[in-house]
N, C-alpha and C. Protein backbone atom coordinates (compact mmCIF):
# COMPACT_ATOMS: atom_id res chain seq x y z
N UNK A 1 0.84 -1.16 0.00
CA UNK A 1 0.00 0.00 0.00
C UNK A 1 0.89 1.24 0.00
N UNK A 2 1.04 1.88 -1.13
CA UNK A 2 1.84 3.11 -1.14
C UNK A 2 1.04 4.28 -0.57
N UNK A 3 1.77 5.20 -0.01
CA UNK A 3 1.18 6.44 0.46
C UNK A 3 1.48 7.56 -0.52
N UNK A 4 0.99 8.74 -0.21
CA UNK A 4 1.19 9.90 -1.08
C UNK A 4 2.65 10.15 -1.42
N UNK A 5 3.50 10.16 -0.41
CA UNK A 5 4.90 10.45 -0.64
C UNK A 5 5.59 9.41 -1.50
N UNK A 6 5.23 8.15 -1.30
CA UNK A 6 5.85 7.07 -2.07
C UNK A 6 5.49 7.15 -3.55
N UNK A 7 4.40 7.78 -3.88
CA UNK A 7 4.00 7.92 -5.29
C UNK A 7 4.97 8.79 -6.08
N UNK A 8 5.90 9.41 -5.40
CA UNK A 8 6.90 10.22 -6.08
C UNK A 8 8.07 9.36 -6.59
N UNK A 9 8.06 8.09 -6.23
CA UNK A 9 9.17 7.20 -6.57
C UNK A 9 8.90 6.47 -7.88
N UNK A 10 9.92 6.43 -8.72
CA UNK A 10 9.79 5.80 -10.03
C UNK A 10 9.43 4.34 -9.98
N UNK A 11 9.87 3.63 -8.94
CA UNK A 11 9.58 2.19 -8.86
C UNK A 11 8.08 1.92 -8.79
N UNK A 12 7.33 2.83 -8.19
CA UNK A 12 5.87 2.66 -8.11
C UNK A 12 5.28 2.68 -9.52
N UNK A 13 5.69 3.65 -10.33
CA UNK A 13 5.14 3.80 -11.67
C UNK A 13 5.66 2.72 -12.61
N UNK A 14 6.89 2.25 -12.40
CA UNK A 14 7.39 1.12 -13.19
C UNK A 14 6.56 -0.13 -12.90
N UNK A 15 6.29 -0.38 -11.63
CA UNK A 15 5.46 -1.53 -11.25
C UNK A 15 4.04 -1.38 -11.79
N UNK A 16 3.50 -0.16 -11.74
CA UNK A 16 2.15 0.09 -12.26
C UNK A 16 2.09 -0.21 -13.76
N UNK A 17 3.10 0.26 -14.49
CA UNK A 17 3.13 0.02 -15.94
C UNK A 17 3.26 -1.47 -16.24
N UNK A 18 4.13 -2.15 -15.50
CA UNK A 18 4.33 -3.59 -15.72
C UNK A 18 3.06 -4.38 -15.45
N UNK A 19 2.41 -4.11 -14.31
CA UNK A 19 1.19 -4.84 -13.94
C UNK A 19 0.09 -4.65 -14.97
N UNK A 20 -0.04 -3.43 -15.48
CA UNK A 20 -1.06 -3.16 -16.50
C UNK A 20 -0.69 -3.84 -17.82
N UNK A 21 0.58 -3.77 -18.20
CA UNK A 21 1.03 -4.39 -19.45
C UNK A 21 0.77 -5.90 -19.44
N UNK A 22 1.00 -6.51 -18.30
CA UNK A 22 0.80 -7.97 -18.16
C UNK A 22 -0.63 -8.34 -17.80
N UNK A 23 -1.49 -7.33 -17.69
CA UNK A 23 -2.91 -7.53 -17.35
C UNK A 23 -3.08 -8.37 -16.07
N UNK A 24 -2.33 -7.99 -15.06
CA UNK A 24 -2.32 -8.72 -13.79
C UNK A 24 -3.56 -8.37 -12.97
N UNK A 25 -4.67 -9.01 -13.31
CA UNK A 25 -5.93 -8.67 -12.64
C UNK A 25 -6.05 -9.28 -11.25
N UNK A 26 -5.00 -9.93 -10.78
CA UNK A 26 -4.99 -10.41 -9.40
C UNK A 26 -4.21 -9.44 -8.50
N UNK A 27 -3.88 -8.26 -9.02
CA UNK A 27 -3.16 -7.24 -8.26
C UNK A 27 -4.12 -6.11 -7.90
N UNK A 28 -4.14 -5.77 -6.62
CA UNK A 28 -4.93 -4.64 -6.14
C UNK A 28 -4.01 -3.77 -5.28
N UNK A 29 -3.87 -2.52 -5.65
CA UNK A 29 -3.09 -1.56 -4.86
C UNK A 29 -4.07 -0.68 -4.10
N UNK A 30 -3.71 -0.34 -2.89
CA UNK A 30 -4.50 0.60 -2.10
C UNK A 30 -3.57 1.77 -1.78
N UNK A 31 -3.98 2.95 -2.18
CA UNK A 31 -3.18 4.15 -1.93
C UNK A 31 -3.76 4.91 -0.75
N UNK A 32 -2.92 5.15 0.24
CA UNK A 32 -3.31 5.97 1.38
C UNK A 32 -3.13 7.43 0.98
N UNK A 33 -4.22 8.05 0.58
CA UNK A 33 -4.20 9.41 0.02
C UNK A 33 -4.59 10.42 1.09
N UNK A 34 -3.62 10.79 1.94
CA UNK A 34 -3.92 11.75 3.01
C UNK A 34 -3.36 13.14 2.74
N UNK A 35 -2.64 13.31 1.64
CA UNK A 35 -2.15 14.63 1.26
C UNK A 35 -0.89 15.08 1.99
N UNK A 36 -0.33 14.19 2.81
CA UNK A 36 0.87 14.56 3.56
C UNK A 36 1.97 13.53 3.36
N UNK A 37 3.20 13.99 3.50
CA UNK A 37 4.35 13.11 3.53
C UNK A 37 5.28 13.62 4.61
N UNK A 38 6.40 13.00 4.80
CA UNK A 38 7.27 13.31 5.94
C UNK A 38 7.65 14.79 6.04
N UNK A 39 7.79 15.45 4.92
CA UNK A 39 8.28 16.83 4.96
C UNK A 39 7.21 17.88 4.69
N UNK A 40 5.96 17.48 4.60
CA UNK A 40 4.90 18.46 4.40
C UNK A 40 3.81 17.98 3.46
N UNK A 41 3.12 18.93 2.87
CA UNK A 41 2.01 18.66 1.97
C UNK A 41 2.52 18.06 0.65
N UNK A 42 1.87 17.01 0.19
CA UNK A 42 2.28 16.39 -1.07
C UNK A 42 2.03 17.34 -2.24
N UNK A 43 0.98 18.13 -2.18
CA UNK A 43 0.68 19.07 -3.27
C UNK A 43 1.78 20.11 -3.42
N UNK A 44 2.39 20.50 -2.32
CA UNK A 44 3.46 21.50 -2.37
C UNK A 44 4.81 20.89 -2.71
N UNK A 45 5.02 19.63 -2.34
CA UNK A 45 6.32 18.98 -2.58
C UNK A 45 6.44 18.55 -4.05
N UNK A 46 5.47 17.78 -4.52
CA UNK A 46 5.39 17.36 -5.92
C UNK A 46 3.98 16.84 -6.12
N UNK A 47 3.15 17.63 -6.71
CA UNK A 47 1.73 17.31 -6.85
C UNK A 47 1.53 16.16 -7.82
N UNK A 48 0.84 15.12 -7.39
CA UNK A 48 0.57 13.96 -8.25
C UNK A 48 -0.85 13.98 -8.83
N UNK A 49 -1.59 15.06 -8.59
CA UNK A 49 -2.94 15.15 -9.16
C UNK A 49 -2.86 15.41 -10.66
N UNK A 50 -3.81 14.97 -11.40
CA UNK A 50 -4.99 14.17 -11.02
C UNK A 50 -4.61 12.69 -10.91
N UNK A 51 -4.64 12.18 -9.69
CA UNK A 51 -4.14 10.83 -9.41
C UNK A 51 -4.96 9.74 -10.09
N UNK A 52 -6.28 9.82 -9.98
CA UNK A 52 -7.12 8.78 -10.60
C UNK A 52 -6.90 8.73 -12.11
N UNK A 53 -6.78 9.89 -12.73
CA UNK A 53 -6.56 9.93 -14.19
C UNK A 53 -5.23 9.29 -14.57
N UNK A 54 -4.22 9.48 -13.74
CA UNK A 54 -2.92 8.86 -14.03
C UNK A 54 -3.02 7.34 -14.00
N UNK A 55 -3.67 6.80 -12.96
CA UNK A 55 -3.80 5.34 -12.88
C UNK A 55 -4.66 4.80 -14.01
N UNK A 56 -5.70 5.53 -14.36
CA UNK A 56 -6.54 5.13 -15.49
C UNK A 56 -5.72 5.11 -16.77
N UNK A 57 -4.90 6.13 -16.97
CA UNK A 57 -4.04 6.20 -18.16
C UNK A 57 -3.05 5.04 -18.21
N UNK A 58 -2.63 4.56 -17.05
CA UNK A 58 -1.72 3.42 -17.00
C UNK A 58 -2.44 2.11 -17.27
N UNK A 59 -3.78 2.15 -17.31
CA UNK A 59 -4.55 0.95 -17.63
C UNK A 59 -5.12 0.22 -16.43
N UNK A 60 -5.23 0.89 -15.32
CA UNK A 60 -5.76 0.28 -14.11
C UNK A 60 -7.24 0.60 -13.93
N UNK A 61 -7.96 -0.31 -13.29
CA UNK A 61 -9.34 -0.07 -12.86
C UNK A 61 -9.23 0.75 -11.56
N UNK A 62 -9.88 1.91 -11.51
CA UNK A 62 -9.69 2.85 -10.40
C UNK A 62 -10.98 3.03 -9.61
N UNK A 63 -10.83 3.01 -8.29
CA UNK A 63 -11.93 3.37 -7.39
C UNK A 63 -11.40 4.40 -6.40
N UNK A 64 -12.18 5.45 -6.15
CA UNK A 64 -11.83 6.45 -5.14
C UNK A 64 -12.85 6.35 -4.01
N UNK A 65 -12.35 6.26 -2.78
CA UNK A 65 -13.24 6.05 -1.64
C UNK A 65 -12.80 6.89 -0.44
N UNK A 66 -13.68 6.93 0.55
CA UNK A 66 -13.35 7.46 1.88
C UNK A 66 -12.63 6.32 2.60
N UNK A 67 -11.36 6.49 2.84
CA UNK A 67 -10.56 5.43 3.46
C UNK A 67 -10.85 5.18 4.92
N UNK A 68 -11.80 5.90 5.50
CA UNK A 68 -12.21 5.67 6.89
C UNK A 68 -13.57 4.98 6.95
N UNK A 69 -14.16 4.68 5.81
CA UNK A 69 -15.50 4.09 5.75
C UNK A 69 -15.38 2.62 5.36
N UNK A 70 -15.58 1.73 6.34
CA UNK A 70 -15.39 0.29 6.09
C UNK A 70 -16.34 -0.25 5.01
N UNK A 71 -17.54 0.29 4.91
CA UNK A 71 -18.47 -0.16 3.87
C UNK A 71 -17.87 0.14 2.50
N UNK A 72 -17.34 1.35 2.32
CA UNK A 72 -16.71 1.70 1.04
C UNK A 72 -15.45 0.87 0.78
N UNK A 73 -14.68 0.61 1.81
CA UNK A 73 -13.46 -0.19 1.65
C UNK A 73 -13.80 -1.59 1.18
N UNK A 74 -14.73 -2.24 1.86
CA UNK A 74 -15.12 -3.60 1.49
C UNK A 74 -15.71 -3.63 0.08
N UNK A 75 -16.57 -2.68 -0.22
CA UNK A 75 -17.19 -2.63 -1.55
C UNK A 75 -16.13 -2.46 -2.64
N UNK A 76 -15.17 -1.57 -2.43
CA UNK A 76 -14.12 -1.34 -3.43
C UNK A 76 -13.27 -2.60 -3.62
N UNK A 77 -12.96 -3.29 -2.54
CA UNK A 77 -12.16 -4.51 -2.66
C UNK A 77 -12.94 -5.63 -3.34
N UNK A 78 -14.23 -5.72 -3.07
CA UNK A 78 -15.05 -6.72 -3.77
C UNK A 78 -15.12 -6.42 -5.26
N UNK A 79 -15.29 -5.15 -5.61
CA UNK A 79 -15.30 -4.75 -7.01
C UNK A 79 -13.97 -5.06 -7.68
N UNK A 80 -12.89 -4.77 -7.00
CA UNK A 80 -11.55 -5.04 -7.54
C UNK A 80 -11.35 -6.54 -7.76
N UNK A 81 -11.81 -7.36 -6.82
CA UNK A 81 -11.66 -8.81 -6.95
C UNK A 81 -12.46 -9.34 -8.14
N UNK A 82 -13.62 -8.76 -8.39
CA UNK A 82 -14.48 -9.22 -9.48
C UNK A 82 -14.01 -8.71 -10.84
N UNK A 83 -13.21 -7.66 -10.85
CA UNK A 83 -12.75 -7.05 -12.11
C UNK A 83 -11.77 -7.99 -12.81
N UNK A 84 -11.88 -8.06 -14.12
CA UNK A 84 -10.96 -8.90 -14.91
C UNK A 84 -10.30 -8.09 -16.00
N UNK A 85 -9.06 -8.45 -16.32
CA UNK A 85 -8.39 -7.87 -17.47
C UNK A 85 -7.34 -6.82 -17.18
N UNK A 86 -7.32 -6.29 -15.95
CA UNK A 86 -6.30 -5.31 -15.59
C UNK A 86 -6.20 -5.26 -14.07
N UNK A 87 -5.09 -4.72 -13.57
CA UNK A 87 -4.98 -4.54 -12.12
C UNK A 87 -5.95 -3.45 -11.66
N UNK A 88 -6.17 -3.39 -10.36
CA UNK A 88 -7.08 -2.39 -9.79
C UNK A 88 -6.37 -1.61 -8.70
N UNK A 89 -6.77 -0.35 -8.58
CA UNK A 89 -6.23 0.50 -7.53
C UNK A 89 -7.38 1.18 -6.80
N UNK A 90 -7.28 1.20 -5.47
CA UNK A 90 -8.25 1.88 -4.63
C UNK A 90 -7.53 3.09 -4.04
N UNK A 91 -8.02 4.26 -4.36
CA UNK A 91 -7.46 5.49 -3.81
C UNK A 91 -8.30 5.83 -2.58
N UNK A 92 -7.72 5.58 -1.42
CA UNK A 92 -8.42 5.75 -0.15
C UNK A 92 -8.05 7.11 0.44
N UNK A 93 -8.97 8.04 0.37
CA UNK A 93 -8.73 9.37 0.93
C UNK A 93 -8.88 9.28 2.44
N UNK A 94 -7.81 9.63 3.13
CA UNK A 94 -7.77 9.51 4.58
C UNK A 94 -7.29 10.81 5.22
N UNK A 95 -7.38 10.85 6.53
CA UNK A 95 -6.86 11.96 7.32
C UNK A 95 -5.77 11.38 8.21
N UNK A 96 -4.55 11.85 8.02
CA UNK A 96 -3.44 11.37 8.85
C UNK A 96 -3.73 11.71 10.31
N UNK A 97 -3.62 10.70 11.16
CA UNK A 97 -3.84 10.91 12.59
C UNK A 97 -5.29 11.06 12.99
N UNK A 98 -6.20 10.61 12.12
CA UNK A 98 -7.64 10.81 12.37
C UNK A 98 -8.04 10.33 13.76
N UNK A 99 -8.79 11.18 14.43
CA UNK A 99 -9.30 10.84 15.75
C UNK A 99 -8.43 11.32 16.90
N UNK A 100 -7.24 11.78 16.57
CA UNK A 100 -6.34 12.32 17.60
C UNK A 100 -6.13 13.80 17.28
N UNK A 101 -6.87 14.67 17.93
CA UNK A 101 -6.87 16.10 17.56
C UNK A 101 -5.47 16.71 17.43
N UNK A 102 -4.54 16.32 18.27
CA UNK A 102 -3.20 16.90 18.20
C UNK A 102 -2.40 16.37 17.02
N UNK A 103 -2.83 15.26 16.42
CA UNK A 103 -2.08 14.65 15.33
C UNK A 103 -2.76 14.78 13.97
N UNK A 104 -4.06 15.09 13.94
CA UNK A 104 -4.78 15.14 12.67
C UNK A 104 -4.15 16.14 11.72
N UNK A 105 -3.90 15.66 10.50
CA UNK A 105 -3.32 16.46 9.43
C UNK A 105 -2.00 17.14 9.82
N UNK A 106 -1.27 16.52 10.72
CA UNK A 106 0.00 17.06 11.19
C UNK A 106 1.12 16.16 10.67
N UNK A 107 1.84 16.64 9.65
CA UNK A 107 2.88 15.80 9.05
C UNK A 107 4.01 15.48 10.02
N UNK A 108 4.14 16.22 11.11
CA UNK A 108 5.19 15.94 12.09
C UNK A 108 5.03 14.55 12.70
N UNK A 109 3.83 13.99 12.64
CA UNK A 109 3.61 12.66 13.20
C UNK A 109 3.84 11.55 12.18
N UNK A 110 4.35 11.92 11.01
CA UNK A 110 4.66 10.91 10.00
C UNK A 110 5.74 9.96 10.51
N UNK A 111 6.79 10.53 11.07
CA UNK A 111 7.86 9.70 11.60
C UNK A 111 8.38 10.24 12.93
N UNK A 112 7.57 11.04 13.60
CA UNK A 112 7.95 11.60 14.89
C UNK A 112 7.41 10.76 16.04
N UNK A 113 7.81 11.14 17.23
CA UNK A 113 7.36 10.43 18.43
C UNK A 113 6.37 11.29 19.21
N UNK A 114 5.43 10.61 19.85
CA UNK A 114 4.52 11.30 20.75
C UNK A 114 5.20 11.48 22.10
N UNK A 115 4.85 12.54 22.75
CA UNK A 115 5.30 12.72 24.14
C UNK A 115 4.48 11.78 25.02
N UNK A 116 4.87 11.62 26.25
CA UNK A 116 4.11 10.78 27.19
C UNK A 116 2.69 11.31 27.35
N UNK A 117 2.56 12.63 27.38
CA UNK A 117 1.24 13.24 27.53
C UNK A 117 0.38 12.97 26.30
N UNK A 118 0.97 13.10 25.11
CA UNK A 118 0.23 12.83 23.88
C UNK A 118 -0.16 11.36 23.79
N UNK A 119 0.73 10.47 24.21
CA UNK A 119 0.42 9.05 24.21
C UNK A 119 -0.77 8.76 25.12
N UNK A 120 -0.76 9.34 26.31
CA UNK A 120 -1.88 9.15 27.25
C UNK A 120 -3.18 9.71 26.67
N UNK A 121 -3.09 10.88 26.04
CA UNK A 121 -4.27 11.48 25.42
C UNK A 121 -4.78 10.61 24.28
N UNK A 122 -3.86 10.04 23.50
CA UNK A 122 -4.26 9.16 22.38
C UNK A 122 -4.97 7.93 22.91
N UNK A 123 -4.43 7.30 23.94
CA UNK A 123 -5.09 6.12 24.51
C UNK A 123 -6.47 6.46 25.04
N UNK A 124 -6.59 7.59 25.72
CA UNK A 124 -7.89 8.00 26.25
C UNK A 124 -8.89 8.23 25.11
N UNK A 125 -8.44 8.84 24.01
CA UNK A 125 -9.32 9.10 22.87
C UNK A 125 -9.75 7.79 22.22
N UNK A 126 -8.83 6.86 22.08
CA UNK A 126 -9.16 5.56 21.50
C UNK A 126 -10.15 4.81 22.38
N UNK A 127 -9.93 4.82 23.68
CA UNK A 127 -10.86 4.16 24.60
C UNK A 127 -12.24 4.82 24.54
N UNK A 128 -12.29 6.16 24.43
CA UNK A 128 -13.56 6.87 24.32
C UNK A 128 -14.28 6.47 23.04
N UNK A 129 -13.54 6.37 21.93
CA UNK A 129 -14.13 5.99 20.64
C UNK A 129 -14.68 4.56 20.71
N UNK A 130 -13.96 3.66 21.34
CA UNK A 130 -14.43 2.27 21.50
C UNK A 130 -15.69 2.24 22.33
N UNK A 131 -15.72 2.99 23.44
CA UNK A 131 -16.92 3.05 24.28
C UNK A 131 -18.10 3.60 23.48
N UNK A 132 -17.85 4.59 22.64
CA UNK A 132 -18.92 5.19 21.82
C UNK A 132 -19.47 4.15 20.84
N UNK A 133 -18.60 3.38 20.24
CA UNK A 133 -19.04 2.33 19.31
C UNK A 133 -19.88 1.30 20.04
N UNK A 134 -19.49 0.97 21.25
CA UNK A 134 -20.22 -0.03 22.04
C UNK A 134 -21.50 0.55 22.65
N UNK A 135 -21.68 1.86 22.53
CA UNK A 135 -22.87 2.50 23.09
C UNK A 135 -22.76 2.77 24.58
N UNK A 136 -21.54 2.85 25.08
CA UNK A 136 -21.33 3.04 26.51
C UNK A 136 -21.11 4.51 26.87
N UNK A 137 -21.26 5.42 25.91
CA UNK A 137 -21.05 6.84 26.22
C UNK A 137 -22.37 7.54 26.30
C-alpha cells in the first residue's frame, strides 16, 4: 500500500506500468491518500494530481473512496476482486492521525514520536471511541 509520498518514486510507476502491461488482474493496490508526507504537503512537494486519471491512463481499474468508511473499503475490494483484465487501484482518501486532535493532518507525526502526555491522550481518545461504538457513552 503506497502512500502519497511514495508515489513520487519511479519504482511505483514502473510496477504500475508492468502490472497493466501484463494484465495482472490479481493485483490490487490501495493508496493511502492523506495529502501529507514526511516533509509536508504532497501538493506543495510534488503534486501527483490528477491521481485517478494517471492510474486510469496506466490501464488500471480505479476506485476512489473514503478510506475511513469500512463499507466503502469492502465494496471497493469486492469490485476489484471481481474485475478482470487489468490490475485495480483503490485510492483511499484519509486523514493522517484521524481521531487524535493533536495529530490530525499534522505531518510531524509521519515519523515523529509522541510525548508521554500525547500518548496518554491518544489512549484516552481511542478508549472513548471504543466506548462510543459499544454504546457506553
